[in-house]
Amino acid sequence: MRGDDETQDQAGLRRREGAARYLGVHPRTLDRLTERGELPAVRIGRRKLYRLETLERYAASRER
């Protein structure tokens, strides 16, 4: 299992695996949410990074 230092960058950006773990979804589900425009990502090169604030807002919007 990866440590937090490998799934989270500086400035509160999480890599794909860390973001998926935070939301409790499979990384492929995270990819689909991003492709559909439901979950914005910051692109740096080929990597997609997710702001912690964005993940928190998305999770809050899904509460029932």
PDB file of N, CA and C in Angstrom:
ATOM      1  N   MET A   1       0.844  -1.176   0.000  1.00  0.00           N
ATOM      2  CA  MET A   1       0.000   0.000   0.000  1.00  0.00           C
ATOM      3  C   MET A   1       0.886   1.235   0.000  1.00  0.00           C
ATOM      4  N   ARG A   2       0.454   2.252  -0.703  1.00  0.00           N
ATOM      5  CA  ARG A   2       1.244   3.468  -0.803  1.00  0.00           C
ATOM      6  C   ARG A   2       1.041   4.341   0.421  1.00  0.00           C
ATOM      7  N   GLY A   3       2.085   5.068   0.767  1.00  0.00           N
ATOM      8  CA  GLY A   3       1.988   6.013   1.868  1.00  0.00           C
ATOM      9  C   GLY A   3       1.385   7.322   1.402  1.00  0.00           C
ATOM     10  N   ASP A   4       0.986   8.158   2.364  1.00  0.00           N
ATOM     11  CA  ASP A   4       0.390   9.443   2.025  1.00  0.00           C
ATOM     12  C   ASP A   4       1.310  10.314   1.198  1.00  0.00           C
ATOM     13  N   ASP A   5       2.621  10.214   1.435  1.00  0.00           N
ATOM     14  CA  ASP A   5       3.547  11.065   0.695  1.00  0.00           C
ATOM     15  C   ASP A   5       3.578  10.720  -0.790  1.00  0.00           C
ATOM     16  N   GLU A   6       3.148   9.526  -1.149  1.00  0.00           N
ATOM     17  CA  GLU A   6       3.139   9.127  -2.554  1.00  0.00           C
ATOM     18  C   GLU A   6       1.803   9.411  -3.232  1.00  0.00           C
ATOM     19  N   THR A   7       0.762   9.669  -2.464  1.00  0.00           N
ATOM     20  CA  THR A   7      -0.550   9.909  -3.067  1.00  0.00           C
ATOM     21  C   THR A   7      -1.008  11.350  -2.891  1.00  0.00           C
ATOM     22  N   GLN A   8      -0.201  12.146  -2.178  1.00  0.00           N
ATOM     23  CA  GLN A   8      -0.569  13.546  -1.986  1.00  0.00           C
ATOM     24  C   GLN A   8       0.631  14.426  -2.270  1.00  0.00           C
ATOM     25  N   ASP A   9       0.437  15.424  -3.114  1.00  0.00           N
ATOM     26  CA  ASP A   9       1.473  16.395  -3.417  1.00  0.00           C
ATOM     27  C   ASP A   9       1.331  17.584  -2.481  1.00  0.00           C
ATOM     28  N   GLN A  10       2.240  18.515  -2.605  1.00  0.00           N
ATOM     29  CA  GLN A  10       2.138  19.745  -1.835  1.00  0.00           C
ATOM     30  C   GLN A  10       0.902  20.511  -2.276  1.00  0.00           C
ATOM     31  N   ALA A  11       0.495  21.477  -1.485  1.00  0.00           N
ATOM     32  CA  ALA A  11      -0.648  22.341  -1.777  1.00  0.00           C
ATOM     33  C   ALA A  11      -1.977  21.591  -1.771  1.00  0.00           C
ATOM     34  N   GLY A  12      -2.069  20.470  -1.061  1.00  0.00           N
ATOM     35  CA  GLY A  12      -3.340  19.768  -0.935  1.00  0.00           C
ATOM     36  C   GLY A  12      -3.819  19.062  -2.185  1.00  0.00           C
ATOM     37  N   LEU A  13      -2.926  18.756  -3.094  1.00  0.00           N
ATOM     38  CA  LEU A  13      -3.303  18.032  -4.308  1.00  0.00           C
ATOM     39  C   LEU A  13      -3.091  16.547  -4.091  1.00  0.00           C
ATOM     40  N   ARG A  14      -4.090  15.768  -4.458  1.00  0.00           N
ATOM     41  CA  ARG A  14      -3.976  14.312  -4.316  1.00  0.00           C
ATOM     42  C   ARG A  14      -3.878  13.668  -5.683  1.00  0.00           C
ATOM     43  N   ARG A  15      -3.073  12.646  -5.747  1.00  0.00           N
ATOM     44  CA  ARG A  15      -2.961  11.872  -6.977  1.00  0.00           C
ATOM     45  C   ARG A  15      -4.173  10.968  -7.106  1.00  0.00           C
ATOM     46  N   ARG A  16      -4.287  10.334  -8.237  1.00  0.00           N
ATOM     47  CA  ARG A  16      -5.452   9.514  -8.576  1.00  0.00           C
ATOM     48  C   ARG A  16      -5.798   8.496  -7.483  1.00  0.00           C
ATOM     49  N   GLU A  17      -4.823   7.743  -7.040  1.00  0.00           N
ATOM     50  CA  GLU A  17      -5.092   6.691  -6.054  1.00  0.00           C
ATOM     51  C   GLU A  17      -5.543   7.270  -4.719  1.00  0.00           C
ATOM     52  N   GLY A  18      -4.901   8.350  -4.311  1.00  0.00           N
ATOM     53  CA  GLY A  18      -5.270   8.976  -3.046  1.00  0.00           C
ATOM     54  C   GLY A  18      -6.649   9.613  -3.098  1.00  0.00           C
ATOM     55  N   ALA A  19      -6.973  10.227  -4.229  1.00  0.00           N
ATOM     56  CA  ALA A  19      -8.297  10.838  -4.404  1.00  0.00           C
ATOM     57  C   ALA A  19      -9.374   9.759  -4.407  1.00  0.00           C
ATOM     58  N   ALA A  20      -9.122   8.666  -5.098  1.00  0.00           N
ATOM     59  CA  ALA A  20     -10.104   7.567  -5.138  1.00  0.00           C
ATOM     60  C   ALA A  20     -10.300   6.988  -3.744  1.00  0.00           C
ATOM     61  N   ARG A  21      -9.219   6.806  -3.022  1.00  0.00           N
ATOM     62  CA  ARG A  21      -9.313   6.277  -1.659  1.00  0.00           C
ATOM     63  C   ARG A  21     -10.095   7.246  -0.773  1.00  0.00           C
ATOM     64  N   TYR A  22      -9.848   8.530  -0.920  1.00  0.00           N
ATOM     65  CA  TYR A  22     -10.548   9.538  -0.120  1.00  0.00           C
ATOM     66  C   TYR A  22     -12.059   9.458  -0.352  1.00  0.00           C
ATOM     67  N   LEU A  23     -12.471   9.287  -1.607  1.00  0.00           N
ATOM     68  CA  LEU A  23     -13.900   9.216  -1.937  1.00  0.00           C
ATOM     69  C   LEU A  23     -14.492   7.822  -1.731  1.00  0.00           C
ATOM     70  N   GLY A  24     -13.636   6.831  -1.557  1.00  0.00           N
ATOM     71  CA  GLY A  24     -14.122   5.461  -1.370  1.00  0.00           C
ATOM     72  C   GLY A  24     -14.605   4.829  -2.661  1.00  0.00           C
ATOM     73  N   VAL A  25     -13.965   5.199  -3.769  1.00  0.00           N
ATOM     74  CA  VAL A  25     -14.329   4.638  -5.068  1.00  0.00           C
ATOM     75  C   VAL A  25     -13.100   4.020  -5.722  1.00  0.00           C
ATOM     76  N   HIS A  26     -13.339   3.227  -6.739  1.00  0.00           N
ATOM     77  CA  HIS A  26     -12.249   2.634  -7.516  1.00  0.00           C
ATOM     78  C   HIS A  26     -11.600   3.732  -8.369  1.00  0.00           C
ATOM     79  N   PRO A  27     -10.300   3.669  -8.596  1.00  0.00           N
ATOM     80  CA  PRO A  27      -9.651   4.688  -9.439  1.00  0.00           C
ATOM     81  C   PRO A  27     -10.290   4.849 -10.810  1.00  0.00           C
ATOM     82  N   ARG A  28     -10.805   3.784 -11.393  1.00  0.00           N
ATOM     83  CA  ARG A  28     -11.461   3.899 -12.701  1.00  0.00           C
ATOM     84  C   ARG A  28     -12.756   4.720 -12.589  1.00  0.00           C
ATOM     85  N   THR A  29     -13.472   4.573 -11.482  1.00  0.00           N
ATOM     86  CA  THR A  29     -14.663   5.385 -11.259  1.00  0.00           C
ATOM     87  C   THR A  29     -14.281   6.852 -11.185  1.00  0.00           C
ATOM     88  N   LEU A  30     -13.184   7.144 -10.523  1.00  0.00           N
ATOM     89  CA  LEU A  30     -12.684   8.518 -10.453  1.00  0.00           C
ATOM     90  C   LEU A  30     -12.385   9.047 -11.856  1.00  0.00           C
ATOM     91  N   ASP A  31     -11.777   8.211 -12.691  1.00  0.00           N
ATOM     92  CA  ASP A  31     -11.495   8.602 -14.084  1.00  0.00           C
ATOM     93  C   ASP A  31     -12.785   8.950 -14.822  1.00  0.00           C
ATOM     94  N   ARG A  32     -13.812   8.141 -14.636  1.00  0.00           N
ATOM     95  CA  ARG A  32     -15.090   8.383 -15.318  1.00  0.00           C
ATOM     96  C   ARG A  32     -15.725   9.690 -14.856  1.00  0.00           C
ATOM     97  N   LEU A  33     -15.680   9.943 -13.558  1.00  0.00           N
ATOM     98  CA  LEU A  33     -16.227  11.190 -13.028  1.00  0.00           C
ATOM     99  C   LEU A  33     -15.500  12.390 -13.632  1.00  0.00           C
ATOM    100  N   THR A  34     -14.200  12.263 -13.790  1.00  0.00           N
ATOM    101  CA  THR A  34     -13.404  13.346 -14.369  1.00  0.00           C
ATOM    102  C   THR A  34     -13.710  13.510 -15.849  1.00  0.00           C
ATOM    103  N   GLU A  35     -13.806  12.401 -16.572  1.00  0.00           N
ATOM    104  CA  GLU A  35     -14.097  12.460 -18.006  1.00  0.00           C
ATOM    105  C   GLU A  35     -15.465  13.081 -18.280  1.00  0.00           C
ATOM    106  N   ARG A  36     -16.437  12.824 -17.401  1.00  0.00           N
ATOM    107  CA  ARG A  36     -17.785  13.381 -17.573  1.00  0.00           C
ATOM    108  C   ARG A  36     -17.893  14.818 -17.088  1.00  0.00           C
ATOM    109  N   GLY A  37     -16.829  15.338 -16.500  1.00  0.00           N
ATOM    110  CA  GLY A  37     -16.835  16.712 -16.014  1.00  0.00           C
ATOM    111  C   GLY A  37     -17.477  16.885 -14.654  1.00  0.00           C
ATOM    112  N   GLU A  38     -17.756  15.793 -13.957  1.00  0.00           N
ATOM    113  CA  GLU A  38     -18.386  15.868 -12.639  1.00  0.00           C
ATOM    114  C   GLU A  38     -17.381  16.184 -11.537  1.00  0.00           C
ATOM    115  N   LEU A  39     -16.116  15.879 -11.789  1.00  0.00           N
ATOM    116  CA  LEU A  39     -15.074  16.085 -10.792  1.00  0.00           C
ATOM    117  C   LEU A  39     -13.854  16.703 -11.478  1.00  0.00           C
ATOM    118  N   PRO A  40     -13.640  17.998 -11.283  1.00  0.00           N
ATOM    119  CA  PRO A  40     -12.507  18.658 -11.950  1.00  0.00           C
ATOM    120  C   PRO A  40     -11.160  18.159 -11.433  1.00  0.00           C
ATOM    121  N   ALA A  41     -10.193  18.165 -12.307  1.00  0.00           N
ATOM    122  CA  ALA A  41      -8.825  17.759 -11.953  1.00  0.00           C
ATOM    123  C   ALA A  41      -7.854  18.797 -12.497  1.00  0.00           C
ATOM    124  N   VAL A  42      -6.716  18.900 -11.846  1.00  0.00           N
ATOM    125  CA  VAL A  42      -5.631  19.756 -12.308  1.00  0.00           C
ATOM    126  C   VAL A  42      -4.700  18.860 -13.113  1.00  0.00           C
ATOM    127  N   ARG A  43      -4.450  19.218 -14.344  1.00  0.00           N
ATOM    128  CA  ARG A  43      -3.555  18.417 -15.177  1.00  0.00           C
ATOM    129  C   ARG A  43      -2.163  19.030 -15.169  1.00  0.00           C
ATOM    130  N   ILE A  44      -1.210  18.193 -14.852  1.00  0.00           N
ATOM    131  CA  ILE A  44       0.195  18.575 -14.920  1.00  0.00           C
ATOM    132  C   ILE A  44       0.876  17.476 -15.726  1.00  0.00           C
ATOM    133  N   GLY A  45       1.208  17.813 -16.948  1.00  0.00           N
ATOM    134  CA  GLY A  45       1.722  16.790 -17.848  1.00  0.00           C
ATOM    135  C   GLY A  45       0.628  15.775 -18.115  1.00  0.00           C
ATOM    136  N   ARG A  46       0.944  14.525 -17.907  1.00  0.00           N
ATOM    137  CA  ARG A  46      -0.042  13.460 -18.105  1.00  0.00           C
ATOM    138  C   ARG A  46      -0.803  13.126 -16.831  1.00  0.00           C
ATOM    139  N   ARG A  47      -0.355  13.689 -15.720  1.00  0.00           N
ATOM    140  CA  ARG A  47      -0.979  13.382 -14.428  1.00  0.00           C
ATOM    141  C   ARG A  47      -2.216  14.232 -14.185  1.00  0.00           C
ATOM    142  N   LYS A  48      -3.173  13.640 -13.520  1.00  0.00           N
ATOM    143  CA  LYS A  48      -4.356  14.363 -13.050  1.00  0.00           C
ATOM    144  C   LYS A  48      -4.243  14.418 -11.532  1.00  0.00           C
ATOM    145  N   LEU A  49      -4.341  15.623 -11.003  1.00  0.00           N
ATOM    146  CA  LEU A  49      -4.297  15.812  -9.558  1.00  0.00           C
ATOM    147  C   LEU A  49      -5.617  16.426  -9.114  1.00  0.00           C
ATOM    148  N   TYR A  50      -6.012  16.107  -7.899  1.00  0.00           N
ATOM    149  CA  TYR A  50      -7.305  16.542  -7.382  1.00  0.00           C
ATOM    150  C   TYR A  50      -7.088  17.353  -6.114  1.00  0.00           C
ATOM    151  N   ARG A  51      -7.704  18.539  -6.078  1.00  0.00           N
ATOM    152  CA  ARG A  51      -7.619  19.393  -4.892  1.00  0.00           C
ATOM    153  C   ARG A  51      -8.472  18.785  -3.786  1.00  0.00           C
ATOM    154  N   LEU A  52      -7.949  18.798  -2.574  1.00  0.00           N
ATOM    155  CA  LEU A  52      -8.686  18.267  -1.433  1.00  0.00           C
ATOM    156  C   LEU A  52     -10.024  18.986  -1.262  1.00  0.00           C
ATOM    157  N   GLU A  53     -10.034  20.301  -1.478  1.00  0.00           N
ATOM    158  CA  GLU A  53     -11.279  21.064  -1.349  1.00  0.00           C
ATOM    159  C   GLU A  53     -12.322  20.590  -2.358  1.00  0.00           C
ATOM    160  N   THR A  54     -11.880  20.261  -3.563  1.00  0.00           N
ATOM    161  CA  THR A  54     -12.795  19.768  -4.592  1.00  0.00           C
ATOM    162  C   THR A  54     -13.374  18.414  -4.190  1.00  0.00           C
ATOM    163  N   LEU A  55     -12.535  17.547  -3.650  1.00  0.00           N
ATOM    164  CA  LEU A  55     -13.001  16.232  -3.208  1.00  0.00           C
ATOM    165  C   LEU A  55     -14.009  16.370  -2.069  1.00  0.00           C
ATOM    166  N   GLU A  56     -13.731  17.285  -1.136  1.00  0.00           N
ATOM    167  CA  GLU A  56     -14.640  17.500  -0.016  1.00  0.00           C
ATOM    168  C   GLU A  56     -15.993  18.022  -0.501  1.00  0.00           C
ATOM    169  N   ARG A  57     -15.969  18.981  -1.445  1.00  0.00           N
ATOM    170  CA  ARG A  57     -17.221  19.514  -1.992  1.00  0.00           C
ATOM    171  C   ARG A  57     -18.010  18.436  -2.722  1.00  0.00           C
ATOM    172  N   TYR A  58     -17.306  17.619  -3.503  1.00  0.00           N
ATOM    173  CA  TYR A  58     -17.979  16.559  -4.243  1.00  0.00           C
ATOM    174  C   TYR A  58     -18.634  15.578  -3.269  1.00  0.00           C
ATOM    175  N   ALA A  59     -17.903  15.172  -2.242  1.00  0.00           N
ATOM    176  CA  ALA A  59     -18.446  14.224  -1.258  1.00  0.00           C
ATOM    177  C   ALA A  59     -19.666  14.824  -0.552  1.00  0.00           C
ATOM    178  N   ALA A  60     -19.590  16.099  -0.197  1.00  0.00           N
ATOM    179  CA  ALA A  60     -20.705  16.760   0.483  1.00  0.00           C
ATOM    180  C   ALA A  60     -21.928  16.850  -0.424  1.00  0.00           C
ATOM    181  N   SER A  61     -21.693  17.057  -1.716  1.00  0.00           N
ATOM    182  CA  SER A  61     -22.821  17.167  -2.644  1.00  0.00           C
ATOM    183  C   SER A  61     -23.525  15.820  -2.857  1.00  0.00           C
ATOM    184  N   ARG A  62     -22.867  14.732  -2.536  1.00  0.00           N
ATOM    185  CA  ARG A  62     -23.431  13.394  -2.716  1.00  0.00           C
ATOM    186  C   ARG A  62     -24.155  12.885  -1.484  1.00  0.00           C
ATOM    187  N   GLU A  63     -24.102  13.645  -0.384  1.00  0.00           N
ATOM    188  CA  GLU A  63     -24.780  13.216   0.843  1.00  0.00           C
ATOM    189  C   GLU A  63     -26.289  13.219   0.624  1.00  0.00           C
ATOM    190  N   ARG A  64     -26.937  12.277   1.253  1.00  0.00           N
ATOM    191  CA  ARG A  64     -28.405  12.176   1.124  1.00  0.00           C
ATOM    192  C   ARG A  64     -29.039  12.432   2.457  1.00  0.00           C
TER     193      ARG A  64
END
